[in-house]
mmCIF file of all heavy atoms, coordinates in Angstrom:
data_MODEL
# 
_entry.id   MODEL 
# 
loop_
_atom_site.group_PDB 
_atom_site.id 
_atom_site.type_symbol 
_atom_site.label_atom_id 
_atom_site.label_alt_id 
_atom_site.label_comp_id 
_atom_site.label_asym_id 
_atom_site.label_entity_id 
_atom_site.label_seq_id 
_atom_site.pdbx_PDB_ins_code 
_atom_site.Cartn_x 
_atom_site.Cartn_y 
_atom_site.Cartn_z 
_atom_site.occupancy 
_atom_site.B_iso_or_equiv 
_atom_site.pdbx_formal_charge 
_atom_site.auth_seq_id 
_atom_site.auth_comp_id 
_atom_site.auth_asym_id 
_atom_site.auth_atom_id 
_atom_site.pdbx_PDB_model_num 
ATOM 1   N N   . ALA A 1 1  ? -20.052 -6.831  5.723  1.00 0.00 ? 1  ALA A N   1 
ATOM 2   C CA  . ALA A 1 1  ? -19.000 -7.722  6.213  1.00 0.00 ? 1  ALA A CA  1 
ATOM 3   C C   . ALA A 1 1  ? -17.615 -7.149  5.877  1.00 0.00 ? 1  ALA A C   1 
ATOM 4   O O   . ALA A 1 1  ? -17.359 -6.666  4.790  1.00 0.00 ? 1  ALA A O   1 
ATOM 5   C CB  . ALA A 1 1  ? -19.132 -9.106  5.614  1.00 0.00 ? 1  ALA A CB  1 
ATOM 6   N N   . ILE A 1 2  ? -16.712 -7.177  6.871  1.00 0.00 ? 2  ILE A N   1 
ATOM 7   C CA  . ILE A 1 2  ? -15.303 -6.864  6.646  1.00 0.00 ? 2  ILE A CA  1 
ATOM 8   C C   . ILE A 1 2  ? -14.470 -7.984  7.255  1.00 0.00 ? 2  ILE A C   1 
ATOM 9   O O   . ILE A 1 2  ? -14.924 -8.688  8.176  1.00 0.00 ? 2  ILE A O   1 
ATOM 10  C CB  . ILE A 1 2  ? -14.909 -5.504  7.255  1.00 0.00 ? 2  ILE A CB  1 
ATOM 11  C CG1 . ILE A 1 2  ? -15.092 -5.506  8.770  1.00 0.00 ? 2  ILE A CG1 1 
ATOM 12  C CG2 . ILE A 1 2  ? -15.713 -4.379  6.637  1.00 0.00 ? 2  ILE A CG2 1 
ATOM 13  C CD1 . ILE A 1 2  ? -14.567 -4.266  9.455  1.00 0.00 ? 2  ILE A CD1 1 
ATOM 14  N N   . ASP A 1 3  ? -13.274 -8.177  6.758  1.00 0.00 ? 3  ASP A N   1 
ATOM 15  C CA  . ASP A 1 3  ? -12.417 -9.222  7.308  1.00 0.00 ? 3  ASP A CA  1 
ATOM 16  C C   . ASP A 1 3  ? -11.051 -8.690  7.768  1.00 0.00 ? 3  ASP A C   1 
ATOM 17  O O   . ASP A 1 3  ? -10.121 -9.444  7.970  1.00 0.00 ? 3  ASP A O   1 
ATOM 18  C CB  . ASP A 1 3  ? -12.220 -10.375 6.303  1.00 0.00 ? 3  ASP A CB  1 
ATOM 19  C CG  . ASP A 1 3  ? -11.667 -9.914  4.976  1.00 0.00 ? 3  ASP A CG  1 
ATOM 20  O OD1 . ASP A 1 3  ? -11.407 -8.706  4.808  1.00 0.00 ? 3  ASP A OD1 1 
ATOM 21  O OD2 . ASP A 1 3  ? -11.499 -10.755 4.069  1.00 0.00 ? 3  ASP A OD2 1 
ATOM 22  N N   . GLY A 1 4  ? -11.002 -7.369  7.938  1.00 0.00 ? 4  GLY A N   1 
ATOM 23  C CA  . GLY A 1 4  ? -9.782  -6.769  8.432  1.00 0.00 ? 4  GLY A CA  1 
ATOM 24  C C   . GLY A 1 4  ? -9.762  -5.291  8.091  1.00 0.00 ? 4  GLY A C   1 
ATOM 25  O O   . GLY A 1 4  ? -10.812 -4.690  7.766  1.00 0.00 ? 4  GLY A O   1 
ATOM 26  N N   . VAL A 1 5  ? -8.600  -4.684  8.170  1.00 0.00 ? 5  VAL A N   1 
ATOM 27  C CA  . VAL A 1 5  ? -8.421  -3.288  7.781  1.00 0.00 ? 5  VAL A CA  1 
ATOM 28  C C   . VAL A 1 5  ? -7.222  -3.193  6.844  1.00 0.00 ? 5  VAL A C   1 
ATOM 29  O O   . VAL A 1 5  ? -6.396  -4.112  6.773  1.00 0.00 ? 5  VAL A O   1 
ATOM 30  C CB  . VAL A 1 5  ? -8.202  -2.358  9.000  1.00 0.00 ? 5  VAL A CB  1 
ATOM 31  C CG1 . VAL A 1 5  ? -9.448  -2.377  9.902  1.00 0.00 ? 5  VAL A CG1 1 
ATOM 32  C CG2 . VAL A 1 5  ? -6.996  -2.776  9.798  1.00 0.00 ? 5  VAL A CG2 1 
ATOM 33  N N   . VAL A 1 6  ? -7.150  -2.079  6.118  1.00 0.00 ? 6  VAL A N   1 
ATOM 34  C CA  . VAL A 1 6  ? -6.074  -1.866  5.146  1.00 0.00 ? 6  VAL A CA  1 
ATOM 35  C C   . VAL A 1 6  ? -5.339  -0.583  5.499  1.00 0.00 ? 6  VAL A C   1 
ATOM 36  O O   . VAL A 1 6  ? -5.952  0.421   5.838  1.00 0.00 ? 6  VAL A O   1 
ATOM 37  C CB  . VAL A 1 6  ? -6.637  -1.766  3.708  1.00 0.00 ? 6  VAL A CB  1 
ATOM 38  C CG1 . VAL A 1 6  ? -5.530  -1.412  2.727  1.00 0.00 ? 6  VAL A CG1 1 
ATOM 39  C CG2 . VAL A 1 6  ? -7.304  -3.071  3.302  1.00 0.00 ? 6  VAL A CG2 1 
ATOM 40  N N   . TYR A 1 7  ? -3.995  -0.629  5.426  1.00 0.00 ? 7  TYR A N   1 
ATOM 41  C CA  . TYR A 1 7  ? -3.168  0.548   5.642  1.00 0.00 ? 7  TYR A CA  1 
ATOM 42  C C   . TYR A 1 7  ? -2.438  0.893   4.353  1.00 0.00 ? 7  TYR A C   1 
ATOM 43  O O   . TYR A 1 7  ? -1.869  0.035   3.696  1.00 0.00 ? 7  TYR A O   1 
ATOM 44  C CB  . TYR A 1 7  ? -2.135  0.286   6.738  1.00 0.00 ? 7  TYR A CB  1 
ATOM 45  C CG  . TYR A 1 7  ? -2.675  -0.329  8.006  1.00 0.00 ? 7  TYR A CG  1 
ATOM 46  C CD1 . TYR A 1 7  ? -2.054  -1.430  8.566  1.00 0.00 ? 7  TYR A CD1 1 
ATOM 47  C CD2 . TYR A 1 7  ? -3.814  0.180   8.627  1.00 0.00 ? 7  TYR A CD2 1 
ATOM 48  C CE1 . TYR A 1 7  ? -2.525  -2.009  9.751  1.00 0.00 ? 7  TYR A CE1 1 
ATOM 49  C CE2 . TYR A 1 7  ? -4.282  -0.390  9.785  1.00 0.00 ? 7  TYR A CE2 1 
ATOM 50  C CZ  . TYR A 1 7  ? -3.642  -1.490  10.342 1.00 0.00 ? 7  TYR A CZ  1 
ATOM 51  O OH  . TYR A 1 7  ? -4.130  -2.064  11.491 1.00 0.00 ? 7  TYR A OH  1 
ATOM 52  N N   . LYS A 1 8  ? -2.459  2.199   4.011  1.00 0.00 ? 8  LYS A N   1 
ATOM 53  C CA  . LYS A 1 8  ? -1.700  2.673   2.859  1.00 0.00 ? 8  LYS A CA  1 
ATOM 54  C C   . LYS A 1 8  ? -0.886  3.893   3.263  1.00 0.00 ? 8  LYS A C   1 
ATOM 55  O O   . LYS A 1 8  ? -1.398  4.786   3.963  1.00 0.00 ? 8  LYS A O   1 
ATOM 56  C CB  . LYS A 1 8  ? -2.637  3.064   1.698  1.00 0.00 ? 8  LYS A CB  1 
ATOM 57  C CG  . LYS A 1 8  ? -3.292  1.869   1.018  1.00 0.00 ? 8  LYS A CG  1 
ATOM 58  C CD  . LYS A 1 8  ? -4.105  2.319   -0.201 1.00 0.00 ? 8  LYS A CD  1 
ATOM 59  C CE  . LYS A 1 8  ? -4.739  1.120   -0.871 1.00 0.00 ? 8  LYS A CE  1 
ATOM 60  N NZ  . LYS A 1 8  ? -5.553  1.518   -2.043 1.00 0.00 ? 8  LYS A NZ  1 
ATOM 61  N N   . VAL A 1 9  ? 0.368   3.951   2.840  1.00 0.00 ? 9  VAL A N   1 
ATOM 62  C CA  . VAL A 1 9  ? 1.163   5.134   3.048  1.00 0.00 ? 9  VAL A CA  1 
ATOM 63  C C   . VAL A 1 9  ? 0.441   6.289   2.330  1.00 0.00 ? 9  VAL A C   1 
ATOM 64  O O   . VAL A 1 9  ? 0.032   6.187   1.173  1.00 0.00 ? 9  VAL A O   1 
ATOM 65  C CB  . VAL A 1 9  ? 2.571   4.952   2.447  1.00 0.00 ? 9  VAL A CB  1 
ATOM 66  C CG1 . VAL A 1 9  ? 3.352   6.241   2.496  1.00 0.00 ? 9  VAL A CG1 1 
ATOM 67  C CG2 . VAL A 1 9  ? 3.319   3.862   3.240  1.00 0.00 ? 9  VAL A CG2 1 
ATOM 68  N N   . ASN A 1 10 ? 0.300   7.420   3.031  1.00 0.00 ? 10 ASN A N   1 
ATOM 69  C CA  . ASN A 1 10 ? -0.523  8.506   2.502  1.00 0.00 ? 10 ASN A CA  1 
ATOM 70  C C   . ASN A 1 10 ? 0.159   9.285   1.358  1.00 0.00 ? 10 ASN A C   1 
ATOM 71  O O   . ASN A 1 10 ? -0.474  9.626   0.364  1.00 0.00 ? 10 ASN A O   1 
ATOM 72  C CB  . ASN A 1 10 ? -0.933  9.472   3.624  1.00 0.00 ? 10 ASN A CB  1 
ATOM 73  C CG  . ASN A 1 10 ? -2.052  10.394  3.226  1.00 0.00 ? 10 ASN A CG  1 
ATOM 74  O OD1 . ASN A 1 10 ? -2.818  10.117  2.299  1.00 0.00 ? 10 ASN A OD1 1 
ATOM 75  N ND2 . ASN A 1 10 ? -2.185  11.526  3.929  1.00 0.00 ? 10 ASN A ND2 1 
ATOM 76  N N   . GLN A 1 11 ? 1.458   9.526   1.481  1.00 0.00 ? 11 GLN A N   1 
ATOM 77  C CA  . GLN A 1 11 ? 2.150   10.338  0.494  1.00 0.00 ? 11 GLN A CA  1 
ATOM 78  C C   . GLN A 1 11 ? 2.377   9.548   -0.802 1.00 0.00 ? 11 GLN A C   1 
ATOM 79  O O   . GLN A 1 11 ? 2.995   8.476   -0.787 1.00 0.00 ? 11 GLN A O   1 
ATOM 80  C CB  . GLN A 1 11 ? 3.482   10.845  1.036  1.00 0.00 ? 11 GLN A CB  1 
ATOM 81  C CG  . GLN A 1 11 ? 3.332   11.951  2.072  1.00 0.00 ? 11 GLN A CG  1 
ATOM 82  C CD  . GLN A 1 11 ? 4.665   12.528  2.491  1.00 0.00 ? 11 GLN A CD  1 
ATOM 83  O OE1 . GLN A 1 11 ? 5.030   12.489  3.656  1.00 0.00 ? 11 GLN A OE1 1 
ATOM 84  N NE2 . GLN A 1 11 ? 5.408   13.072  1.554  1.00 0.00 ? 11 GLN A NE2 1 
ATOM 85  N N   . ILE A 1 12 ? 1.924   10.095  -1.925 1.00 0.00 ? 12 ILE A N   1 
ATOM 86  C CA  . ILE A 1 12 ? 2.022   9.401   -3.199 1.00 0.00 ? 12 ILE A CA  1 
ATOM 87  C C   . ILE A 1 12 ? 3.473   9.216   -3.646 1.00 0.00 ? 12 ILE A C   1 
ATOM 88  O O   . ILE A 1 12 ? 3.834   8.179   -4.207 1.00 0.00 ? 12 ILE A O   1 
ATOM 89  C CB  . ILE A 1 12 ? 1.214   10.154  -4.275 1.00 0.00 ? 12 ILE A CB  1 
ATOM 90  C CG1 . ILE A 1 12 ? -0.272  10.257  -3.890 1.00 0.00 ? 12 ILE A CG1 1 
ATOM 91  C CG2 . ILE A 1 12 ? 1.360   9.464   -5.663 1.00 0.00 ? 12 ILE A CG2 1 
ATOM 92  C CD1 . ILE A 1 12 ? -0.966  8.937   -3.725 1.00 0.00 ? 12 ILE A CD1 1 
ATOM 93  N N   . ASP A 1 13 ? 4.345   10.217  -3.394 1.00 0.00 ? 13 ASP A N   1 
ATOM 94  C CA  . ASP A 1 13 ? 5.731   10.078  -3.815 1.00 0.00 ? 13 ASP A CA  1 
ATOM 95  C C   . ASP A 1 13 ? 6.422   8.954   -3.048 1.00 0.00 ? 13 ASP A C   1 
ATOM 96  O O   . ASP A 1 13 ? 7.275   8.244   -3.582 1.00 0.00 ? 13 ASP A O   1 
ATOM 97  C CB  . ASP A 1 13 ? 6.493   11.384  -3.683 1.00 0.00 ? 13 ASP A CB  1 
ATOM 98  C CG  . ASP A 1 13 ? 6.517   11.902  -2.254 1.00 0.00 ? 13 ASP A CG  1 
ATOM 99  O OD1 . ASP A 1 13 ? 5.616   11.552  -1.478 1.00 0.00 ? 13 ASP A OD1 1 
ATOM 100 O OD2 . ASP A 1 13 ? 7.445   12.686  -1.923 1.00 0.00 ? 13 ASP A OD2 1 
ATOM 101 N N   . TYR A 1 14 ? 6.041   8.748   -1.767 1.00 0.00 ? 14 TYR A N   1 
ATOM 102 C CA  . TYR A 1 14 ? 6.579   7.629   -1.004 1.00 0.00 ? 14 TYR A CA  1 
ATOM 103 C C   . TYR A 1 14 ? 6.059   6.305   -1.562 1.00 0.00 ? 14 TYR A C   1 
ATOM 104 O O   . TYR A 1 14 ? 6.801   5.311   -1.647 1.00 0.00 ? 14 TYR A O   1 
ATOM 105 C CB  . TYR A 1 14 ? 6.159   7.746   0.455  1.00 0.00 ? 14 TYR A CB  1 
ATOM 106 C CG  . TYR A 1 14 ? 6.960   8.745   1.279  1.00 0.00 ? 14 TYR A CG  1 
ATOM 107 C CD1 . TYR A 1 14 ? 6.577   9.099   2.570  1.00 0.00 ? 14 TYR A CD1 1 
ATOM 108 C CD2 . TYR A 1 14 ? 8.118   9.327   0.754  1.00 0.00 ? 14 TYR A CD2 1 
ATOM 109 C CE1 . TYR A 1 14 ? 7.289   10.020  3.326  1.00 0.00 ? 14 TYR A CE1 1 
ATOM 110 C CE2 . TYR A 1 14 ? 8.850   10.245  1.491  1.00 0.00 ? 14 TYR A CE2 1 
ATOM 111 C CZ  . TYR A 1 14 ? 8.443   10.590  2.762  1.00 0.00 ? 14 TYR A CZ  1 
ATOM 112 O OH  . TYR A 1 14 ? 9.154   11.494  3.504  1.00 0.00 ? 14 TYR A OH  1 
ATOM 113 N N   . GLN A 1 15 ? 4.789   6.263   -1.976 1.00 0.00 ? 15 GLN A N   1 
ATOM 114 C CA  . GLN A 1 15 ? 4.251   5.052   -2.586 1.00 0.00 ? 15 GLN A CA  1 
ATOM 115 C C   . GLN A 1 15 ? 5.057   4.680   -3.839 1.00 0.00 ? 15 GLN A C   1 
ATOM 116 O O   . GLN A 1 15 ? 5.407   3.511   -4.051 1.00 0.00 ? 15 GLN A O   1 
ATOM 117 C CB  . GLN A 1 15 ? 2.773   5.252   -2.980 1.00 0.00 ? 15 GLN A CB  1 
ATOM 118 C CG  . GLN A 1 15 ? 1.811   5.346   -1.817 1.00 0.00 ? 15 GLN A CG  1 
ATOM 119 C CD  . GLN A 1 15 ? 0.350   5.337   -2.303 1.00 0.00 ? 15 GLN A CD  1 
ATOM 120 O OE1 . GLN A 1 15 ? 0.073   5.098   -3.462 1.00 0.00 ? 15 GLN A OE1 1 
ATOM 121 N NE2 . GLN A 1 15 ? -0.555  5.609   -1.369 1.00 0.00 ? 15 GLN A NE2 1 
ATOM 122 N N   . THR A 1 16 ? 5.364   5.693   -4.644 1.00 0.00 ? 16 THR A N   1 
ATOM 123 C CA  . THR A 1 16 ? 6.116   5.478   -5.874 1.00 0.00 ? 16 THR A CA  1 
ATOM 124 C C   . THR A 1 16 ? 7.508   4.950   -5.578 1.00 0.00 ? 16 THR A C   1 
ATOM 125 O O   . THR A 1 16 ? 8.000   4.014   -6.239 1.00 0.00 ? 16 THR A O   1 
ATOM 126 C CB  . THR A 1 16 ? 6.228   6.792   -6.683 1.00 0.00 ? 16 THR A CB  1 
ATOM 127 O OG1 . THR A 1 16 ? 4.901   7.266   -6.940 1.00 0.00 ? 16 THR A OG1 1 
ATOM 128 C CG2 . THR A 1 16 ? 6.953   6.556   -8.008 1.00 0.00 ? 16 THR A CG2 1 
ATOM 129 N N   . ARG A 1 17 ? 8.143   5.515   -4.557 1.00 0.00 ? 17 ARG A N   1 
ATOM 130 C CA  . ARG A 1 17 ? 9.491   5.063   -4.203 1.00 0.00 ? 17 ARG A CA  1 
ATOM 131 C C   . ARG A 1 17 ? 9.502   3.639   -3.677 1.00 0.00 ? 17 ARG A C   1 
ATOM 132 O O   . ARG A 1 17 ? 10.420  2.872   -3.958 1.00 0.00 ? 17 ARG A O   1 
ATOM 133 C CB  . ARG A 1 17 ? 10.107  6.013   -3.161 1.00 0.00 ? 17 ARG A CB  1 
ATOM 134 C CG  . ARG A 1 17 ? 10.560  7.344   -3.738 1.00 0.00 ? 17 ARG A CG  1 
ATOM 135 C CD  . ARG A 1 17 ? 10.971  8.308   -2.636 1.00 0.00 ? 17 ARG A CD  1 
ATOM 136 N NE  . ARG A 1 17 ? 12.057  7.793   -1.808 1.00 0.00 ? 17 ARG A NE  1 
ATOM 137 C CZ  . ARG A 1 17 ? 12.516  8.395   -0.719 1.00 0.00 ? 17 ARG A CZ  1 
ATOM 138 N NH1 . ARG A 1 17 ? 12.001  9.584   -0.368 1.00 0.00 ? 17 ARG A NH1 1 
ATOM 139 N NH2 . ARG A 1 17 ? 13.484  7.865   -0.017 1.00 0.00 ? 17 ARG A NH2 1 
ATOM 140 N N   . LEU A 1 18 ? 8.492   3.265   -2.916 1.00 0.00 ? 18 LEU A N   1 
ATOM 141 C CA  . LEU A 1 18 ? 8.412   1.911   -2.349 1.00 0.00 ? 18 LEU A CA  1 
ATOM 142 C C   . LEU A 1 18 ? 8.099   0.890   -3.418 1.00 0.00 ? 18 LEU A C   1 
ATOM 143 O O   . LEU A 1 18 ? 8.641   -0.225  -3.397 1.00 0.00 ? 18 LEU A O   1 
ATOM 144 C CB  . LEU A 1 18 ? 7.374   1.880   -1.236 1.00 0.00 ? 18 LEU A CB  1 
ATOM 145 C CG  . LEU A 1 18 ? 7.754   2.594   0.056  1.00 0.00 ? 18 LEU A CG  1 
ATOM 146 C CD1 . LEU A 1 18 ? 6.551   2.751   0.961  1.00 0.00 ? 18 LEU A CD1 1 
ATOM 147 C CD2 . LEU A 1 18 ? 8.860   1.851   0.776  1.00 0.00 ? 18 LEU A CD2 1 
ATOM 148 N N   . GLY A 1 19 ? 7.211   1.232   -4.348 1.00 0.00 ? 19 GLY A N   1 
ATOM 149 C CA  . GLY A 1 19 ? 6.935   0.361   -5.466 1.00 0.00 ? 19 GLY A CA  1 
ATOM 150 C C   . GLY A 1 19 ? 6.240   -0.946  -5.079 1.00 0.00 ? 19 GLY A C   1 
ATOM 151 O O   . GLY A 1 19 ? 5.484   -1.017  -4.129 1.00 0.00 ? 19 GLY A O   1 
ATOM 152 N N   . PHE A 1 20 ? 6.594   -2.017  -5.807 1.00 0.00 ? 20 PHE A N   1 
ATOM 153 C CA  . PHE A 1 20 ? 5.924   -3.308  -5.658 1.00 0.00 ? 20 PHE A CA  1 
ATOM 154 C C   . PHE A 1 20 ? 6.956   -4.421  -5.532 1.00 0.00 ? 20 PHE A C   1 
ATOM 155 O O   . PHE A 1 20 ? 8.092   -4.291  -5.960 1.00 0.00 ? 20 PHE A O   1 
ATOM 156 C CB  . PHE A 1 20 ? 5.029   -3.585  -6.881 1.00 0.00 ? 20 PHE A CB  1 
ATOM 157 C CG  . PHE A 1 20 ? 3.996   -2.521  -7.111 1.00 0.00 ? 20 PHE A CG  1 
ATOM 158 C CD1 . PHE A 1 20 ? 4.317   -1.362  -7.807 1.00 0.00 ? 20 PHE A CD1 1 
ATOM 159 C CD2 . PHE A 1 20 ? 2.706   -2.670  -6.634 1.00 0.00 ? 20 PHE A CD2 1 
ATOM 160 C CE1 . PHE A 1 20 ? 3.367   -0.371  -8.019 1.00 0.00 ? 20 PHE A CE1 1 
ATOM 161 C CE2 . PHE A 1 20 ? 1.756   -1.696  -6.820 1.00 0.00 ? 20 PHE A CE2 1 
ATOM 162 C CZ  . PHE A 1 20 ? 2.081   -0.549  -7.523 1.00 0.00 ? 20 PHE A CZ  1 
ATOM 163 N N   . VAL A 1 21 ? 6.519   -5.509  -4.923 1.00 0.00 ? 21 VAL A N   1 
ATOM 164 C CA  . VAL A 1 21 ? 7.341   -6.706  -4.861 1.00 0.00 ? 21 VAL A CA  1 
ATOM 165 C C   . VAL A 1 21 ? 6.464   -7.916  -5.166 1.00 0.00 ? 21 VAL A C   1 
ATOM 166 O O   . VAL A 1 21 ? 5.380   -8.044  -4.573 1.00 0.00 ? 21 VAL A O   1 
ATOM 167 C CB  . VAL A 1 21 ? 8.036   -6.875  -3.471 1.00 0.00 ? 21 VAL A CB  1 
ATOM 168 C CG1 . VAL A 1 21 ? 7.012   -6.912  -2.351 1.00 0.00 ? 21 VAL A CG1 1 
ATOM 169 C CG2 . VAL A 1 21 ? 8.930   -8.115  -3.465 1.00 0.00 ? 21 VAL A CG2 1 
ATOM 170 N N   . MET A 1 22 ? 6.899   -8.730  -6.094 1.00 0.00 ? 22 MET A N   1 
ATOM 171 C CA  . MET A 1 22 ? 6.146   -9.886  -6.557 1.00 0.00 ? 22 MET A CA  1 
ATOM 172 C C   . MET A 1 22 ? 4.730   -9.486  -6.938 1.00 0.00 ? 22 MET A C   1 
ATOM 173 O O   . MET A 1 22 ? 4.510   -8.745  -7.878 1.00 0.00 ? 22 MET A O   1 
ATOM 174 C CB  . MET A 1 22 ? 6.157   -11.008 -5.492 1.00 0.00 ? 22 MET A CB  1 
ATOM 175 C CG  . MET A 1 22 ? 7.509   -11.672 -5.405 1.00 0.00 ? 22 MET A CG  1 
ATOM 176 S SD  . MET A 1 22 ? 7.515   -13.208 -4.436 1.00 0.00 ? 22 MET A SD  1 
ATOM 177 C CE  . MET A 1 22 ? 7.182   -12.613 -2.813 1.00 0.00 ? 22 MET A CE  1 
ATOM 178 N N   . ARG A 1 23 ? 3.725   -9.890  -6.164 1.00 0.00 ? 23 ARG A N   1 
ATOM 179 C CA  . ARG A 1 23 ? 2.329   -9.655  -6.543 1.00 0.00 ? 23 ARG A CA  1 
ATOM 180 C C   . ARG A 1 23 ? 1.675   -8.552  -5.712 1.00 0.00 ? 23 ARG A C   1 
ATOM 181 O O   . ARG A 1 23 ? 0.456   -8.369  -5.796 1.00 0.00 ? 23 ARG A O   1 
ATOM 182 C CB  . ARG A 1 23 ? 1.520   -10.942 -6.333 1.00 0.00 ? 23 ARG A CB  1 
ATOM 183 C CG  . ARG A 1 23 ? 1.529   -11.419 -4.885 1.00 0.00 ? 23 ARG A CG  1 
ATOM 184 C CD  . ARG A 1 23 ? 0.512   -12.484 -4.614 1.00 0.00 ? 23 ARG A CD  1 
ATOM 185 N NE  . ARG A 1 23 ? 0.326   -12.633 -3.173 1.00 0.00 ? 23 ARG A NE  1 
ATOM 186 C CZ  . ARG A 1 23 ? -0.666  -13.288 -2.622 1.00 0.00 ? 23 ARG A CZ  1 
ATOM 187 N NH1 . ARG A 1 23 ? -1.584  -13.842 -3.351 1.00 0.00 ? 23 ARG A NH1 1 
ATOM 188 N NH2 . ARG A 1 23 ? -0.768  -13.375 -1.305 1.00 0.00 ? 23 ARG A NH2 1 
ATOM 189 N N   . ALA A 1 24 ? 2.428   -7.810  -4.909 1.00 0.00 ? 24 ALA A N   1 
ATOM 190 C CA  . ALA A 1 24 ? 1.800   -6.885  -3.956 1.00 0.00 ? 24 ALA A CA  1 
ATOM 191 C C   . ALA A 1 24 ? 2.540   -5.561  -3.894 1.00 0.00 ? 24 ALA A C   1 
ATOM 192 O O   . ALA A 1 24 ? 3.755   -5.491  -4.041 1.00 0.00 ? 24 ALA A O   1 
ATOM 193 C CB  . ALA A 1 24 ? 1.743   -7.539  -2.573 1.00 0.00 ? 24 ALA A CB  1 
# 
C-alpha cells in the first residue's frame, strides 16, 4: 500500500541551505 509519492531535492548542499520550518 502507498498513499502518495515523495519528492526530495537531490543535491545535499541545497537540502542544507533550505533547512527546516516548524516540523518539516
